[in-house]
Protein backbone atom coordinates (compact mmCIF):
# COMPACT_ATOMS: atom_id res chain seq x y z
CA MET A 1 -17.62 -6.60 -0.99
CA ASP A 2 -15.02 -9.37 -1.14
CA ALA A 3 -12.26 -7.71 -3.18
CA ILE A 4 -10.68 -4.86 -1.22
CA ILE A 5 -8.00 -4.47 -3.91
CA ALA A 6 -8.70 -5.55 -7.49
CA THR A 7 -6.51 -5.03 -10.53
CA GLU A 8 -7.21 -6.03 -14.12
CA ARG A 9 -4.31 -6.31 -16.61
CA LEU A 10 -2.58 -3.43 -14.85
CA THR A 11 0.44 -2.36 -16.90
CA LYS A 12 3.07 0.34 -16.48
CA ARG A 13 5.93 1.01 -18.89
CA TYR A 14 8.64 3.65 -18.60
CA GLY A 15 9.44 4.26 -22.26
CA LYS A 16 11.14 1.08 -23.37
CA GLN A 17 11.66 -0.04 -19.78
CA ARG A 18 9.32 -2.51 -18.13
CA GLY A 19 7.46 -1.66 -14.95
CA ILE A 20 4.69 -4.25 -14.58
CA THR A 21 2.77 -6.15 -17.25
CA ASP A 22 -0.85 -7.38 -17.22
CA LEU A 23 -1.02 -7.69 -13.44
CA THR A 24 -4.39 -9.11 -12.37
CA LEU A 25 -5.00 -9.90 -8.72
CA ASP A 26 -7.49 -9.45 -5.92
CA VAL A 27 -7.00 -8.99 -2.20
CA ARG A 28 -9.87 -10.14 -0.03
CA ALA A 29 -11.48 -8.46 2.94
CA GLY A 30 -9.85 -9.34 6.24
CA GLU A 31 -6.77 -11.05 4.83
CA VAL A 32 -3.08 -10.35 5.13
CA PHE A 33 -1.63 -10.46 1.62
CA GLY A 34 2.13 -10.70 1.16
CA PHE A 35 3.50 -9.23 -2.07
CA LEU A 36 6.94 -10.68 -2.76
CA GLY A 37 9.64 -10.27 -5.38
CA PRO A 38 13.31 -9.39 -5.83
CA ASN A 39 14.47 -5.79 -6.17
CA GLY A 40 13.21 -4.30 -9.43
CA ALA A 41 10.44 -6.87 -9.86
CA GLY A 42 7.66 -4.26 -9.74
CA LYS A 43 6.45 -4.30 -6.13
CA THR A 44 6.79 -0.57 -5.46
CA THR A 45 5.52 0.30 -8.94
CA THR A 46 2.37 -1.70 -8.18
CA ILE A 47 1.86 0.11 -4.88
CA ARG A 48 2.36 3.53 -6.48
CA LEU A 49 -0.20 2.66 -9.15
CA LEU A 50 -2.69 1.55 -6.50
CA LEU A 51 -2.25 4.85 -4.68
CA ASP A 52 -2.51 6.88 -7.92
CA PHE A 53 0.96 8.36 -7.44
CA ILE A 54 1.66 7.26 -11.01
CA ARG A 55 -0.76 6.40 -13.81
CA PRO A 56 -0.96 3.06 -15.61
CA THR A 57 -0.07 2.62 -19.27
CA SER A 58 -3.11 0.36 -19.51
CA GLY A 59 -5.42 -1.69 -17.30
CA ARG A 60 -7.30 -0.62 -14.20
CA ALA A 61 -7.30 -0.89 -10.44
CA ALA A 62 -9.90 -0.47 -7.71
CA ILE A 63 -9.63 -0.16 -3.94
CA LEU A 64 -12.65 -0.60 -1.68
CA GLY A 65 -14.82 -0.81 -4.80
CA GLN A 66 -13.69 2.55 -6.17
CA ASP A 67 -11.51 3.34 -9.17
CA THR A 68 -8.06 4.29 -7.88
CA HIS A 69 -7.75 7.30 -10.19
CA GLN A 70 -11.27 8.71 -10.17
CA HIS A 71 -11.68 8.36 -6.40
CA SER A 72 -8.08 8.61 -5.18
CA VAL A 73 -8.78 11.23 -2.48
CA ALA A 74 -11.75 9.33 -1.06
CA ILE A 75 -9.72 6.12 -1.04
CA ARG A 76 -6.82 7.70 0.85
CA ARG A 77 -9.15 8.70 3.66
CA ARG A 78 -9.84 5.01 4.27
CA ILE A 79 -6.36 3.53 4.02
CA GLY A 80 -3.08 3.66 5.90
CA TYR A 81 0.17 3.76 3.95
CA LEU A 82 3.82 3.29 4.80
CA PRO A 83 6.24 3.91 1.90
CA GLY A 84 9.44 1.95 1.46
CA ASP A 85 11.40 5.20 1.11
CA LEU A 86 10.01 6.85 4.23
CA GLY A 87 10.62 10.59 4.51
CA LEU A 88 9.60 12.61 7.58
CA TYR A 89 9.76 16.25 8.63
CA GLU A 90 13.08 16.06 10.47
CA ARG A 91 12.70 19.25 12.51
CA MET A 92 9.41 18.17 14.07
CA THR A 93 9.07 15.92 17.07
CA GLY A 94 7.23 12.66 16.59
CA HIS A 95 4.29 14.07 18.57
CA ASP A 96 4.07 17.20 16.40
CA LEU A 97 4.28 15.18 13.19
CA LEU A 98 1.55 12.74 14.23
CA SER A 99 -0.63 15.63 15.44
CA TYR A 100 -0.20 17.31 12.05
CA PHE A 101 -1.20 14.14 10.19
CA ALA A 102 -4.11 13.62 12.57
CA HIS A 103 -5.34 17.15 11.85
CA LEU A 104 -5.16 16.47 8.10
CA ARG A 105 -7.30 13.39 8.64
CA GLY A 106 -9.89 15.30 10.65
CA GLY A 107 -8.70 13.97 13.99
CA VAL A 108 -7.77 10.60 15.45
CA ASP A 109 -8.04 9.07 18.92
CA PRO A 110 -5.01 10.43 20.87
CA ALA A 111 -5.23 7.56 23.36
CA TYR A 112 -4.76 5.08 20.53
CA VAL A 113 -1.76 7.05 19.24
CA ARG A 114 -0.20 6.88 22.71
CA LEU A 115 -0.92 3.14 22.89
CA LEU A 116 0.78 2.52 19.56
CA ALA A 117 3.79 4.61 20.61
CA GLU A 118 4.05 2.59 23.82
CA ARG A 119 3.82 -0.73 22.02
CA PHE A 120 6.54 0.33 19.60
CA ALA A 121 8.57 1.89 22.45
CA VAL A 122 9.17 5.14 20.57
CA ASP A 123 9.76 8.51 22.22
CA LEU A 124 7.48 11.05 20.52
CA ASN A 125 9.01 14.03 22.31
CA ARG A 126 12.38 13.91 20.55
CA PRO A 127 13.07 15.72 17.27
CA ILE A 128 12.85 13.25 14.42
CA ARG A 129 16.33 14.19 13.17
CA THR A 130 17.82 12.75 16.40
CA LEU A 131 16.15 9.36 16.00
CA SER A 132 17.69 6.18 14.67
CA ARG A 133 16.43 4.63 11.44
CA GLY A 134 14.46 2.06 13.41
CA ASN A 135 12.72 4.69 15.54
CA LYS A 136 11.84 6.72 12.45
CA GLN A 137 10.31 3.56 11.01
CA LYS A 138 8.23 3.14 14.18
CA ILE A 139 6.81 6.65 13.75
CA GLY A 140 5.99 5.79 10.16
CA LEU A 141 4.12 2.72 11.34
CA VAL A 142 2.22 4.69 13.99
CA GLN A 143 1.03 7.23 11.37
CA ALA A 144 -0.13 4.39 9.10
CA LEU A 145 -2.04 2.65 11.91
CA MET A 146 -3.31 5.48 14.09
CA HIS A 147 -6.63 6.16 12.32
CA ARG A 148 -7.59 2.45 12.27
CA PRO A 149 -7.81 2.26 8.45
CA GLU A 150 -9.90 -0.32 6.61
CA LEU A 151 -6.88 -1.18 4.47
CA LEU A 152 -3.17 -0.98 5.22
CA ILE A 153 -0.68 -0.78 2.36
CA LEU A 154 2.82 -1.29 3.73
CA ASP A 155 6.05 -1.29 1.71
CA GLU A 156 8.87 -3.04 3.63
CA PRO A 157 7.24 -2.25 7.00
CA THR A 158 9.84 -3.83 9.32
CA SER A 159 12.91 -2.32 7.65
CA GLY A 160 15.25 -1.17 10.43
CA LEU A 161 13.26 -2.75 13.27
CA ASP A 162 14.94 -5.00 15.82
CA PRO A 163 13.55 -8.54 16.40
CA LEU A 164 11.46 -7.47 19.41
CA MET A 165 9.75 -4.71 17.43
CA GLN A 166 9.27 -7.05 14.49
CA HIS A 167 7.36 -9.34 16.84
CA THR A 168 5.27 -6.38 18.05
CA PHE A 169 4.48 -5.52 14.44
CA GLN A 170 3.44 -9.10 13.67
CA THR A 171 1.14 -9.14 16.69
CA LEU A 172 -0.51 -5.88 15.63
CA ILE A 173 -1.06 -7.16 12.10
CA ARG A 174 -2.77 -10.29 13.44
CA GLU A 175 -5.00 -8.10 15.63
CA ILE A 176 -5.91 -5.90 12.65
CA ALA A 177 -6.83 -8.94 10.52
CA ALA A 178 -8.88 -10.38 13.41
CA GLU A 179 -10.93 -7.15 13.35
CA GLY A 180 -11.78 -7.79 9.68
CA ARG A 181 -9.44 -5.17 8.29
CA THR A 182 -7.12 -5.89 5.38
CA VAL A 183 -3.34 -5.70 5.02
CA PHE A 184 -1.33 -5.60 1.80
CA LEU A 185 2.38 -5.71 2.50
CA SER A 186 5.47 -5.85 0.35
CA SER A 187 8.43 -7.40 2.11
CA HIS A 188 11.82 -9.05 1.77
CA ALA A 189 11.40 -10.63 5.23
CA LEU A 190 10.11 -13.95 3.93
CA ALA A 191 10.09 -15.67 7.32
CA GLU A 192 7.91 -12.86 8.66
CA VAL A 193 5.47 -13.03 5.75
CA GLU A 194 5.18 -16.77 6.29
CA LEU A 195 4.12 -16.14 9.89
CA ILE A 196 1.42 -13.54 9.24
CA ALA A 197 0.19 -13.77 5.63
CA ASP A 198 -2.89 -15.70 4.50
CA ARG A 199 -1.88 -15.58 0.84
CA VAL A 200 1.14 -14.43 -1.10
CA GLY A 201 1.72 -13.14 -4.60
CA ILE A 202 5.16 -13.53 -6.15
CA ILE A 203 6.04 -10.99 -8.83
CA ARG A 204 8.97 -11.66 -11.15
CA ALA A 205 10.28 -9.33 -13.86
CA GLY A 206 7.07 -7.29 -13.72
CA GLU A 207 4.73 -10.27 -14.10
CA LEU A 208 2.74 -12.09 -11.46
CA ALA A 209 4.20 -15.59 -11.19
CA VAL A 210 1.77 -17.03 -8.65
CA VAL A 211 -0.94 -16.07 -6.14
CA GLN A 212 -1.78 -18.73 -3.60
CA GLU A 213 -2.29 -19.57 0.04
CA ILE A 214 0.97 -20.38 1.76
CA GLY A 215 -0.19 -23.88 2.70
CA ALA A 216 -1.09 -24.68 -0.90
CA LEU A 217 2.24 -23.32 -2.12
CA LYS A 218 4.08 -25.61 0.26
CA GLU A 219 2.11 -28.63 -0.90
CA GLN A 220 3.17 -27.96 -4.50
CA ALA A 221 6.75 -26.98 -3.74
CA LEU A 222 9.81 -29.17 -3.85
CA ARG A 223 10.55 -30.97 -0.61
CA ARG A 224 13.68 -32.91 0.25
CA LEU A 225 13.36 -36.51 1.42
CA GLU A 226 15.88 -38.89 2.89
CA ILE A 227 14.93 -42.57 3.08
CA HIS A 228 16.99 -45.11 5.02
CA PHE A 229 16.64 -48.70 3.84
CA ALA A 230 17.71 -51.95 5.53
CA ARG A 231 19.73 -52.89 2.44
CA PRO A 232 21.17 -51.05 -0.62
CA VAL A 233 18.61 -50.09 -3.28
CA PRO A 234 19.08 -49.54 -7.04
CA PRO A 235 19.02 -45.79 -7.82
CA GLU A 236 17.66 -46.36 -11.34
CA PHE A 237 14.45 -47.72 -9.82
CA PHE A 238 13.62 -44.26 -8.40
CA HIS A 239 14.61 -42.13 -11.41
CA THR A 240 11.38 -42.91 -13.26
CA ILE A 241 8.93 -42.01 -10.48
CA PRO A 242 6.77 -38.97 -11.42
CA GLY A 243 7.74 -35.83 -9.53
CA VAL A 244 10.98 -37.26 -8.14
CA ARG A 245 14.21 -35.39 -8.96
CA ASP A 246 17.86 -35.23 -7.93
CA VAL A 247 18.00 -38.90 -6.94
CA ALA A 248 21.20 -39.88 -5.11
CA VAL A 249 21.83 -43.21 -3.40
CA ASP A 250 24.64 -43.64 -0.89
CA GLY A 251 24.62 -47.24 0.29
CA HIS A 252 21.38 -47.74 2.19
CA VAL A 253 20.33 -44.07 2.00
CA LEU A 254 18.27 -42.47 -0.77
CA ARG A 255 18.17 -38.68 -1.05
CA CYS A 256 15.91 -36.87 -3.50
CA THR A 257 13.56 -33.94 -4.02
CA VAL A 258 9.85 -34.37 -4.68
CA SER A 259 7.45 -31.99 -6.39
CA GLY A 260 3.84 -32.32 -5.26
CA SER A 261 2.54 -35.54 -3.72
CA VAL A 262 5.00 -38.05 -2.26
CA ASP A 263 2.51 -40.92 -2.65
CA ALA A 264 4.21 -42.52 -5.67
CA LEU A 265 7.63 -42.39 -4.03
CA ILE A 266 6.39 -43.88 -0.76
CA LYS A 267 4.65 -46.72 -2.58
CA ALA A 268 7.82 -47.44 -4.56
CA ALA A 269 10.01 -47.33 -1.45
CA ALA A 270 7.65 -49.77 0.28
CA ARG A 271 8.89 -52.51 -2.06
CA TYR A 272 12.05 -52.49 0.03
CA GLU A 273 12.50 -52.62 3.80
CA VAL A 274 12.38 -49.02 5.03
CA GLU A 275 13.96 -48.14 8.38
CA ASN A 276 13.40 -44.38 8.48
CA ILE A 277 12.10 -41.43 6.42
CA THR A 278 13.08 -37.79 6.98
CA SER A 279 11.19 -35.04 5.18
CA HIS A 280 12.29 -31.42 5.01
CA GLU A 281 9.24 -29.20 4.49
CA PRO A 282 9.93 -26.17 2.31
CA ASP A 283 9.69 -22.72 3.82
CA LEU A 284 8.57 -19.59 2.01
CA GLU A 285 12.12 -18.55 1.21
CA GLU A 286 12.79 -21.81 -0.62
CA ILE A 287 9.53 -21.46 -2.56
CA PHE A 288 10.36 -17.86 -3.45
CA LEU A 289 13.84 -18.80 -4.67
CA THR A 290 12.38 -21.65 -6.73
CA TYR A 291 10.16 -19.22 -8.66
CA PHE A 292 12.96 -16.68 -8.98
CA HIS A 293 15.52 -19.18 -10.31
CA GLU A 294 12.98 -20.79 -12.67
CA GLY A 295 12.33 -17.35 -14.13
CA THR A 296 16.07 -16.78 -14.57
CA ARG A 297 16.42 -20.10 -16.41
CA ASP A 298 13.39 -19.31 -18.60
CA ALA A 299 14.93 -16.02 -19.66
CA ALA A 300 18.33 -17.55 -20.45
C-alpha cells in the first residue's frame, strides 16, 4: 500500500465560514510530509478531519487503507498523534500519565519509554503542573512516539522546544522514516521542515496550493542572481528574457530574479564579458511566502 493517507475532495464548512475546500492529497509510506500554511489556512481542520474528530461536509479520507470515519478506532490504534493545543492531566506525573496511556493501548515497551524520556531530557517523576511548556511538549512527544506507530500525525511538534531538543526531534524523525514509518507534520518552523521533509504541501485559504518535493519546489522558485560584467550592460536587453524579473543594472552589475531555469539568462549574459555570477538559492521560507503573497494578490 503506497498511500498511507489519502484524501479525495475533502471539504469542511462551518456554516458560511470556510474550513477546507476540495483537498485531495496522498502521503506515501515511509515519507516525512510537511503540511504548511499560515494561521487559519486549514491545517488543523485537515488533521481533525483525518482523525475523525470532526466530520467532513463532503469528500472522503482514508488512513492505512481504511475509511477514517468507519474505522476510526482501528486507525487510532496504529497511529501516534500530537495535537497543536496539547492538554495533559496536570495533577499526574509524567510517568503516571504515560503509564495510563500505555495501559489504554494494551501496553508498550517501558524501556523504549525511558529511552525517549532520556533523549528528550524530561523528568517523568515531577507533577505535570510544575513543568515548563517545553517539558510538557516533550511528554506529549513521548506519548505520540512510545508505541512505535506506523503513522505519526504531529501538529506543531516543536512548539516550545529549545534548539537542542529540536535537533533531537529531527534526529528521531529521520530514524522513524528510515524504519519505513510515515510522518505527517504541520509546522510553522519552515527551516526545520526543509531539513527533514521529503515533500511538502502548502495550504492557502483552505485550498491546497501545491504538493511537491522540496528539491523540485526550489527548482521552480524564484532565485536571485547578481552578475558582474567587465563593462556596463544595457538593462533593456535583459527585460525581455523569459522568466527574468526585477531587472536592475548598477554600472557593471546586473541584479534580477529568475523563475525556473537560468539557461536563457546565462546565454544572454554570455554575449558580454562576465567576471562573476552570484546565485542565491531560495529556501523553503521564501517559497512559502511566494505562494502566500501570490494568493493575497489573487484575492485582491
